[in-house]
């Protein structure tokens, strides 16, 4: 049975993105929530961001001007998190 998993990214973006990709191996539904900061595209995260986009995973953020993510207000992010089977903070 497929699980619905949310990965909440705060400090360790590189590790959170890598782990999010790994969670897809069991055919679970994975969404990524980047809180209070832009998703940093650099040489350590670029491959993971590109892979996430190829896998068509959703990346949400409460930062409006982040080109890598879909903006959602903080209240809506919180409401969406209530719908997941597992929430993994990073």
PDB file of N, CA and C in Angstrom:
ATOM      1  N   UNK A   1       0.842  -1.181   0.000  1.00  0.00           N
ATOM      2  CA  UNK A   1       0.000   0.000   0.000  1.00  0.00           C
ATOM      3  C   UNK A   1       0.888   1.246   0.000  1.00  0.00           C
ATOM      4  N   UNK A   2       0.624   2.132  -0.909  1.00  0.00           N
ATOM      5  CA  UNK A   2       1.402   3.361  -1.066  1.00  0.00           C
ATOM      6  C   UNK A   2       1.091   4.346   0.060  1.00  0.00           C
ATOM      7  N   UNK A   3       2.128   4.966   0.574  1.00  0.00           N
ATOM      8  CA  UNK A   3       1.989   5.970   1.633  1.00  0.00           C
ATOM      9  C   UNK A   3       2.169   7.360   1.044  1.00  0.00           C
ATOM     10  N   UNK A   4       1.609   8.335   1.716  1.00  0.00           N
ATOM     11  CA  UNK A   4       1.757   9.739   1.335  1.00  0.00           C
ATOM     12  C   UNK A   4       2.735  10.366   2.324  1.00  0.00           C
ATOM     13  N   UNK A   5       3.907  10.809   1.813  1.00  0.00           N
ATOM     14  CA  UNK A   5       4.990  11.281   2.666  1.00  0.00           C
ATOM     15  C   UNK A   5       5.315  12.744   2.354  1.00  0.00           C
ATOM     16  N   UNK A   6       5.462  13.548   3.401  1.00  0.00           N
ATOM     17  CA  UNK A   6       5.901  14.937   3.270  1.00  0.00           C
ATOM     18  C   UNK A   6       7.298  15.061   3.864  1.00  0.00           C
ATOM     19  N   UNK A   7       8.188  15.705   3.129  1.00  0.00           N
ATOM     20  CA  UNK A   7       9.529  15.999   3.620  1.00  0.00           C
ATOM     21  C   UNK A   7       9.595  17.506   3.837  1.00  0.00           C
ATOM     22  N   UNK A   8       9.820  17.915   5.079  1.00  0.00           N
ATOM     23  CA  UNK A   8       9.874  19.333   5.420  1.00  0.00           C
ATOM     24  C   UNK A   8      11.339  19.744   5.510  1.00  0.00           C
ATOM     25  N   UNK A   9      11.734  20.658   4.627  1.00  0.00           N
ATOM     26  CA  UNK A   9      13.130  21.076   4.517  1.00  0.00           C
ATOM     27  C   UNK A   9      13.314  22.400   5.234  1.00  0.00           C
ATOM     28  N   UNK A  10      14.258  22.413   6.177  1.00  0.00           N
ATOM     29  CA  UNK A  10      14.601  23.663   6.864  1.00  0.00           C
ATOM     30  C   UNK A  10      16.087  23.939   6.731  1.00  0.00           C
ATOM     31  N   UNK A  11      16.932  23.110   7.260  1.00  0.00           N
ATOM     32  CA  UNK A  11      18.361  23.405   7.313  1.00  0.00           C
ATOM     33  C   UNK A  11      19.197  22.610   6.311  1.00  0.00           C
ATOM     34  N   UNK A  12      18.978  21.324   6.239  1.00  0.00           N
ATOM     35  CA  UNK A  12      19.856  20.446   5.449  1.00  0.00           C
ATOM     36  C   UNK A  12      19.228  20.131   4.101  1.00  0.00           C
ATOM     37  N   UNK A  13      19.239  21.115   3.210  1.00  0.00           N
ATOM     38  CA  UNK A  13      18.571  20.957   1.926  1.00  0.00           C
ATOM     39  C   UNK A  13      19.132  19.807   1.098  1.00  0.00           C
ATOM     40  N   UNK A  14      20.430  19.728   1.007  1.00  0.00           N
ATOM     41  CA  UNK A  14      21.051  18.686   0.175  1.00  0.00           C
ATOM     42  C   UNK A  14      20.621  17.290   0.627  1.00  0.00           C
ATOM     43  N   UNK A  15      20.693  17.026   1.908  1.00  0.00           N
ATOM     44  CA  UNK A  15      20.320  15.717   2.454  1.00  0.00           C
ATOM     45  C   UNK A  15      18.821  15.457   2.299  1.00  0.00           C
ATOM     46  N   UNK A  16      18.005  16.460   2.534  1.00  0.00           N
ATOM     47  CA  UNK A  16      16.553  16.300   2.420  1.00  0.00           C
ATOM     48  C   UNK A  16      16.136  15.977   0.993  1.00  0.00           C
ATOM     49  N   UNK A  17      16.734  16.633   0.017  1.00  0.00           N
ATOM     50  CA  UNK A  17      16.401  16.365  -1.383  1.00  0.00           C
ATOM     51  C   UNK A  17      16.842  14.969  -1.791  1.00  0.00           C
ATOM     52  N   UNK A  18      18.047  14.583  -1.392  1.00  0.00           N
ATOM     53  CA  UNK A  18      18.557  13.247  -1.718  1.00  0.00           C
ATOM     54  C   UNK A  18      17.662  12.165  -1.117  1.00  0.00           C
ATOM     55  N   UNK A  19      17.280  12.360   0.135  1.00  0.00           N
ATOM     56  CA  UNK A  19      16.442  11.389   0.825  1.00  0.00           C
ATOM     57  C   UNK A  19      15.043  11.327   0.201  1.00  0.00           C
ATOM     58  N   UNK A  20      14.529  12.462  -0.236  1.00  0.00           N
ATOM     59  CA  UNK A  20      13.205  12.499  -0.874  1.00  0.00           C
ATOM     60  C   UNK A  20      13.185  11.634  -2.125  1.00  0.00           C
ATOM     61  N   UNK A  21      14.241  11.704  -2.898  1.00  0.00           N
ATOM     62  CA  UNK A  21      14.335  10.873  -4.102  1.00  0.00           C
ATOM     63  C   UNK A  21      14.354   9.400  -3.717  1.00  0.00           C
ATOM     64  N   UNK A  22      15.105   9.048  -2.690  1.00  0.00           N
ATOM     65  CA  UNK A  22      15.175   7.669  -2.239  1.00  0.00           C
ATOM     66  C   UNK A  22      13.835   7.121  -1.776  1.00  0.00           C
ATOM     67  N   UNK A  23      13.013   7.966  -1.204  1.00  0.00           N
ATOM     68  CA  UNK A  23      11.697   7.515  -0.727  1.00  0.00           C
ATOM     69  C   UNK A  23      10.773   7.084  -1.861  1.00  0.00           C
ATOM     70  N   UNK A  24      11.047   7.524  -3.074  1.00  0.00           N
ATOM     71  CA  UNK A  24      10.189   7.157  -4.203  1.00  0.00           C
ATOM     72  C   UNK A  24      10.396   5.706  -4.641  1.00  0.00           C
ATOM     73  N   UNK A  25      11.456   5.054  -4.170  1.00  0.00           N
ATOM     74  CA  UNK A  25      11.750   3.693  -4.596  1.00  0.00           C
ATOM     75  C   UNK A  25      10.681   2.682  -4.178  1.00  0.00           C
ATOM     76  N   UNK A  26       9.927   2.989  -3.146  1.00  0.00           N
ATOM     77  CA  UNK A  26       8.865   2.094  -2.687  1.00  0.00           C
ATOM     78  C   UNK A  26       7.498   2.508  -3.234  1.00  0.00           C
ATOM     79  N   UNK A  27       7.510   3.333  -4.279  1.00  0.00           N
ATOM     80  CA  UNK A  27       6.284   3.820  -4.933  1.00  0.00           C
ATOM     81  C   UNK A  27       5.397   4.623  -4.000  1.00  0.00           C
ATOM     82  N   UNK A  28       5.992   5.247  -3.003  1.00  0.00           N
ATOM     83  CA  UNK A  28       5.230   6.133  -2.140  1.00  0.00           C
ATOM     84  C   UNK A  28       5.112   7.507  -2.812  1.00  0.00           C
ATOM     85  N   UNK A  29       4.080   8.236  -2.452  1.00  0.00           N
ATOM     86  CA  UNK A  29       3.874   9.586  -2.949  1.00  0.00           C
ATOM     87  C   UNK A  29       4.650  10.542  -2.045  1.00  0.00           C
ATOM     88  N   UNK A  30       5.566  11.314  -2.628  1.00  0.00           N
ATOM     89  CA  UNK A  30       6.435  12.188  -1.846  1.00  0.00           C
ATOM     90  C   UNK A  30       6.271  13.631  -2.312  1.00  0.00           C
ATOM     91  N   UNK A  31       6.038  14.535  -1.366  1.00  0.00           N
ATOM     92  CA  UNK A  31       6.016  15.971  -1.624  1.00  0.00           C
ATOM     93  C   UNK A  31       7.037  16.631  -0.710  1.00  0.00           C
ATOM     94  N   UNK A  32       7.630  17.715  -1.202  1.00  0.00           N
ATOM     95  CA  UNK A  32       8.686  18.400  -0.471  1.00  0.00           C
ATOM     96  C   UNK A  32       8.203  19.803  -0.119  1.00  0.00           C
ATOM     97  N   UNK A  33       8.417  20.196   1.143  1.00  0.00           N
ATOM     98  CA  UNK A  33       8.007  21.507   1.640  1.00  0.00           C
ATOM     99  C   UNK A  33       9.241  22.251   2.135  1.00  0.00           C
ATOM    100  N   UNK A  34       9.609  23.315   1.460  1.00  0.00           N
ATOM    101  CA  UNK A  34      10.766  24.134   1.826  1.00  0.00           C
ATOM    102  C   UNK A  34      10.251  25.321   2.641  1.00  0.00           C
ATOM    103  N   UNK A  35      10.680  25.429   3.896  1.00  0.00           N
ATOM    104  CA  UNK A  35      10.136  26.458   4.774  1.00  0.00           C
ATOM    105  C   UNK A  35      11.089  27.620   4.985  1.00  0.00           C
ATOM    106  N   UNK A  36      10.560  28.828   4.820  1.00  0.00           N
ATOM    107  CA  UNK A  36      11.208  30.086   5.206  1.00  0.00           C
ATOM    108  C   UNK A  36      12.531  30.388   4.517  1.00  0.00           C
ATOM    109  N   UNK A  37      12.818  29.720   3.406  1.00  0.00           N
ATOM    110  CA  UNK A  37      14.032  30.013   2.652  1.00  0.00           C
ATOM    111  C   UNK A  37      13.875  29.504   1.224  1.00  0.00           C
ATOM    112  N   UNK A  38      14.639  30.101   0.325  1.00  0.00           N
ATOM    113  CA  UNK A  38      14.631  29.622  -1.051  1.00  0.00           C
ATOM    114  C   UNK A  38      15.365  28.287  -1.137  1.00  0.00           C
ATOM    115  N   UNK A  39      14.965  27.502  -2.100  1.00  0.00           N
ATOM    116  CA  UNK A  39      15.673  26.258  -2.378  1.00  0.00           C
ATOM    117  C   UNK A  39      16.960  26.633  -3.102  1.00  0.00           C
ATOM    118  N   UNK A  40      18.088  26.316  -2.517  1.00  0.00           N
ATOM    119  CA  UNK A  40      19.386  26.723  -3.057  1.00  0.00           C
ATOM    120  C   UNK A  40      19.805  25.794  -4.185  1.00  0.00           C
ATOM    121  N   UNK A  41      19.925  26.353  -5.383  1.00  0.00           N
ATOM    122  CA  UNK A  41      20.448  25.565  -6.501  1.00  0.00           C
ATOM    123  C   UNK A  41      21.945  25.851  -6.579  1.00  0.00           C
ATOM    124  N   UNK A  42      22.727  24.849  -6.241  1.00  0.00           N
ATOM    125  CA  UNK A  42      24.177  24.946  -6.333  1.00  0.00           C
ATOM    126  C   UNK A  42      24.695  23.605  -6.828  1.00  0.00           C
ATOM    127  N   UNK A  43      26.004  23.438  -6.898  1.00  0.00           N
ATOM    128  CA  UNK A  43      26.518  22.188  -7.467  1.00  0.00           C
ATOM    129  C   UNK A  43      26.198  20.962  -6.616  1.00  0.00           C
ATOM    130  N   UNK A  44      25.910  21.149  -5.330  1.00  0.00           N
ATOM    131  CA  UNK A  44      25.546  20.011  -4.469  1.00  0.00           C
ATOM    132  C   UNK A  44      24.069  19.635  -4.595  1.00  0.00           C
ATOM    133  N   UNK A  45      23.219  20.587  -4.965  1.00  0.00           N
ATOM    134  CA  UNK A  45      21.778  20.306  -5.015  1.00  0.00           C
ATOM    135  C   UNK A  45      21.208  20.242  -6.433  1.00  0.00           C
ATOM    136  N   UNK A  46      21.925  20.716  -7.428  1.00  0.00           N
ATOM    137  CA  UNK A  46      21.384  20.826  -8.789  1.00  0.00           C
ATOM    138  C   UNK A  46      20.905  19.480  -9.342  1.00  0.00           C
ATOM    139  N   UNK A  47      21.710  18.436  -9.195  1.00  0.00           N
ATOM    140  CA  UNK A  47      21.311  17.126  -9.708  1.00  0.00           C
ATOM    141  C   UNK A  47      20.055  16.622  -9.008  1.00  0.00           C
ATOM    142  N   UNK A  48      19.970  16.810  -7.695  1.00  0.00           N
ATOM    143  CA  UNK A  48      18.781  16.369  -6.953  1.00  0.00           C
ATOM    144  C   UNK A  48      17.540  17.151  -7.385  1.00  0.00           C
ATOM    145  N   UNK A  49      17.653  18.452  -7.572  1.00  0.00           N
ATOM    146  CA  UNK A  49      16.513  19.260  -8.013  1.00  0.00           C
ATOM    147  C   UNK A  49      16.062  18.807  -9.398  1.00  0.00           C
ATOM    148  N   UNK A  50      17.003  18.585 -10.301  1.00  0.00           N
ATOM    149  CA  UNK A  50      16.650  18.121 -11.642  1.00  0.00           C
ATOM    150  C   UNK A  50      15.988  16.749 -11.611  1.00  0.00           C
ATOM    151  N   UNK A  51      16.485  15.849 -10.772  1.00  0.00           N
ATOM    152  CA  UNK A  51      15.891  14.512 -10.643  1.00  0.00           C
ATOM    153  C   UNK A  51      14.482  14.597 -10.073  1.00  0.00           C
ATOM    154  N   UNK A  52      14.287  15.453  -9.077  1.00  0.00           N
ATOM    155  CA  UNK A  52      12.955  15.647  -8.490  1.00  0.00           C
ATOM    156  C   UNK A  52      11.969  16.136  -9.539  1.00  0.00           C
ATOM    157  N   UNK A  53      12.405  17.048 -10.379  1.00  0.00           N
ATOM    158  CA  UNK A  53      11.524  17.544 -11.443  1.00  0.00           C
ATOM    159  C   UNK A  53      11.219  16.461 -12.468  1.00  0.00           C
ATOM    160  N   UNK A  54      12.207  15.632 -12.801  1.00  0.00           N
ATOM    161  CA  UNK A  54      11.981  14.525 -13.728  1.00  0.00           C
ATOM    162  C   UNK A  54      11.004  13.503 -13.149  1.00  0.00           C
ATOM    163  N   UNK A  55      11.083  13.279 -11.844  1.00  0.00           N
ATOM    164  CA  UNK A  55      10.171  12.344 -11.175  1.00  0.00           C
ATOM    165  C   UNK A  55       8.793  12.957 -10.936  1.00  0.00           C
ATOM    166  N   UNK A  56       8.652  14.250 -11.255  1.00  0.00           N
ATOM    167  CA  UNK A  56       7.403  15.000 -11.098  1.00  0.00           C
ATOM    168  C   UNK A  56       6.927  15.056  -9.650  1.00  0.00           C
ATOM    169  N   UNK A  57       7.900  15.183  -8.723  1.00  0.00           N
ATOM    170  CA  UNK A  57       7.552  15.402  -7.322  1.00  0.00           C
ATOM    171  C   UNK A  57       7.220  16.874  -7.139  1.00  0.00           C
ATOM    172  N   UNK A  58       6.347  17.169  -6.205  1.00  0.00           N
ATOM    173  CA  UNK A  58       5.978  18.551  -5.920  1.00  0.00           C
ATOM    174  C   UNK A  58       6.932  19.152  -4.900  1.00  0.00           C
ATOM    175  N   UNK A  59       7.361  20.384  -5.159  1.00  0.00           N
ATOM    176  CA  UNK A  59       8.173  21.133  -4.203  1.00  0.00           C
ATOM    177  C   UNK A  59       7.414  22.417  -3.895  1.00  0.00           C
ATOM    178  N   UNK A  60       7.008  22.572  -2.647  1.00  0.00           N
ATOM    179  CA  UNK A  60       6.255  23.742  -2.207  1.00  0.00           C
ATOM    180  C   UNK A  60       7.119  24.599  -1.289  1.00  0.00           C
ATOM    181  N   UNK A  61       6.813  25.904  -1.257  1.00  0.00           N
ATOM    182  CA  UNK A  61       7.534  26.809  -0.371  1.00  0.00           C
ATOM    183  C   UNK A  61       6.626  27.958   0.047  1.00  0.00           C
ATOM    184  N   UNK A  62       6.918  28.512   1.219  1.00  0.00           N
ATOM    185  CA  UNK A  62       6.195  29.697   1.650  1.00  0.00           C
ATOM    186  C   UNK A  62       6.970  30.975   1.313  1.00  0.00           C
ATOM    187  N   UNK A  63       7.971  30.858   0.434  1.00  0.00           N
ATOM    188  CA  UNK A  63       8.720  32.006  -0.080  1.00  0.00           C
ATOM    189  C   UNK A  63       8.224  32.269  -1.503  1.00  0.00           C
ATOM    190  N   UNK A  64       7.713  33.464  -1.738  1.00  0.00           N
ATOM    191  CA  UNK A  64       7.043  33.759  -3.004  1.00  0.00           C
ATOM    192  C   UNK A  64       7.956  33.788  -4.221  1.00  0.00           C
ATOM    193  N   UNK A  65       9.147  34.307  -4.119  1.00  0.00           N
ATOM    194  CA  UNK A  65       9.978  34.523  -5.305  1.00  0.00           C
ATOM    195  C   UNK A  65      11.010  33.426  -5.535  1.00  0.00           C
ATOM    196  N   UNK A  66      10.663  32.197  -5.242  1.00  0.00           N
ATOM    197  CA  UNK A  66      11.552  31.059  -5.461  1.00  0.00           C
ATOM    198  C   UNK A  66      11.153  30.363  -6.766  1.00  0.00           C
ATOM    199  N   UNK A  67      12.028  30.429  -7.757  1.00  0.00           N
ATOM    200  CA  UNK A  67      11.728  29.865  -9.074  1.00  0.00           C
ATOM    201  C   UNK A  67      11.670  28.336  -9.074  1.00  0.00           C
ATOM    202  N   UNK A  68      12.279  27.694  -8.098  1.00  0.00           N
ATOM    203  CA  UNK A  68      12.359  26.228  -8.057  1.00  0.00           C
ATOM    204  C   UNK A  68      11.128  25.590  -7.417  1.00  0.00           C
ATOM    205  N   UNK A  69      10.293  26.375  -6.747  1.00  0.00           N
ATOM    206  CA  UNK A  69       9.187  25.820  -5.965  1.00  0.00           C
ATOM    207  C   UNK A  69       7.849  26.438  -6.345  1.00  0.00           C
ATOM    208  N   UNK A  70       6.786  25.794  -5.881  1.00  0.00           N
ATOM    209  CA  UNK A  70       5.436  26.329  -6.014  1.00  0.00           C
ATOM    210  C   UNK A  70       5.087  27.035  -4.715  1.00  0.00           C
ATOM    211  N   UNK A  71       4.680  28.280  -4.822  1.00  0.00           N
ATOM    212  CA  UNK A  71       4.372  29.070  -3.614  1.00  0.00           C
ATOM    213  C   UNK A  71       3.027  28.665  -3.017  1.00  0.00           C
ATOM    214  N   UNK A  72       3.021  28.501  -1.706  1.00  0.00           N
ATOM    215  CA  UNK A  72       1.797  28.326  -0.926  1.00  0.00           C
ATOM    216  C   UNK A  72       1.958  29.143   0.353  1.00  0.00           C
ATOM    217  N   UNK A  73       0.924  29.880   0.761  1.00  0.00           N
ATOM    218  CA  UNK A  73       1.010  30.600   2.041  1.00  0.00           C
ATOM    219  C   UNK A  73       1.225  29.611   3.192  1.00  0.00           C
ATOM    220  N   UNK A  74       1.803  30.103   4.258  1.00  0.00           N
ATOM    221  CA  UNK A  74       2.142  29.247   5.394  1.00  0.00           C
ATOM    222  C   UNK A  74       0.928  28.495   5.938  1.00  0.00           C
ATOM    223  N   UNK A  75      -0.209  29.168   6.027  1.00  0.00           N
ATOM    224  CA  UNK A  75      -1.419  28.509   6.544  1.00  0.00           C
ATOM    225  C   UNK A  75      -1.842  27.349   5.650  1.00  0.00           C
ATOM    226  N   UNK A  76      -1.738  27.523   4.343  1.00  0.00           N
ATOM    227  CA  UNK A  76      -2.115  26.441   3.437  1.00  0.00           C
ATOM    228  C   UNK A  76      -1.113  25.292   3.496  1.00  0.00           C
ATOM    229  N   UNK A  77       0.174  25.616   3.655  1.00  0.00           N
ATOM    230  CA  UNK A  77       1.178  24.562   3.839  1.00  0.00           C
ATOM    231  C   UNK A  77       0.853  23.722   5.068  1.00  0.00           C
ATOM    232  N   UNK A  78       0.511  24.396   6.159  1.00  0.00           N
ATOM    233  CA  UNK A  78       0.187  23.687   7.401  1.00  0.00           C
ATOM    234  C   UNK A  78      -1.028  22.786   7.217  1.00  0.00           C
ATOM    235  N   UNK A  79      -2.041  23.266   6.520  1.00  0.00           N
ATOM    236  CA  UNK A  79      -3.243  22.458   6.281  1.00  0.00           C
ATOM    237  C   UNK A  79      -2.930  21.243   5.412  1.00  0.00           C
ATOM    238  N   UNK A  80      -2.079  21.411   4.416  1.00  0.00           N
ATOM    239  CA  UNK A  80      -1.721  20.278   3.562  1.00  0.00           C
ATOM    240  C   UNK A  80      -0.949  19.210   4.335  1.00  0.00           C
ATOM    241  N   UNK A  81      -0.093  19.646   5.244  1.00  0.00           N
ATOM    242  CA  UNK A  81       0.691  18.676   6.011  1.00  0.00           C
ATOM    243  C   UNK A  81      -0.184  17.735   6.823  1.00  0.00           C
ATOM    244  N   UNK A  82      -1.368  18.183   7.183  1.00  0.00           N
ATOM    245  CA  UNK A  82      -2.281  17.343   7.960  1.00  0.00           C
ATOM    246  C   UNK A  82      -2.794  16.141   7.171  1.00  0.00           C
ATOM    247  N   UNK A  83      -2.629  16.147   5.851  1.00  0.00           N
ATOM    248  CA  UNK A  83      -3.174  15.074   5.015  1.00  0.00           C
ATOM    249  C   UNK A  83      -2.177  13.939   4.744  1.00  0.00           C
ATOM    250  N   UNK A  84      -0.968  14.027   5.286  1.00  0.00           N
ATOM    251  CA  UNK A  84       0.073  13.038   4.986  1.00  0.00           C
ATOM    252  C   UNK A  84       0.116  11.927   6.027  1.00  0.00           C
ATOM    253  N   UNK A  85       0.530  10.739   5.569  1.00  0.00           N
ATOM    254  CA  UNK A  85       0.706   9.608   6.478  1.00  0.00           C
ATOM    255  C   UNK A  85       1.955   9.773   7.339  1.00  0.00           C
ATOM    256  N   UNK A  86       3.013  10.322   6.730  1.00  0.00           N
ATOM    257  CA  UNK A  86       4.287  10.527   7.434  1.00  0.00           C
ATOM    258  C   UNK A  86       4.833  11.899   7.089  1.00  0.00           C
ATOM    259  N   UNK A  87       5.380  12.591   8.092  1.00  0.00           N
ATOM    260  CA  UNK A  87       6.011  13.888   7.891  1.00  0.00           C
ATOM    261  C   UNK A  87       7.436  13.786   8.432  1.00  0.00           C
ATOM    262  N   UNK A  88       8.409  14.004   7.543  1.00  0.00           N
ATOM    263  CA  UNK A  88       9.819  13.873   7.932  1.00  0.00           C
ATOM    264  C   UNK A  88      10.485  15.244   7.921  1.00  0.00           C
ATOM    265  N   UNK A  89      10.869  15.748   9.089  1.00  0.00           N
ATOM    266  CA  UNK A  89      11.534  17.070   9.146  1.00  0.00           C
ATOM    267  C   UNK A  89      13.028  16.950   8.883  1.00  0.00           C
ATOM    268  N   UNK A  90      13.546  17.875   8.099  1.00  0.00           N
ATOM    269  CA  UNK A  90      14.991  17.959   7.851  1.00  0.00           C
ATOM    270  C   UNK A  90      15.458  19.360   8.033  1.00  0.00           C
TER     271      UNK A  90
END
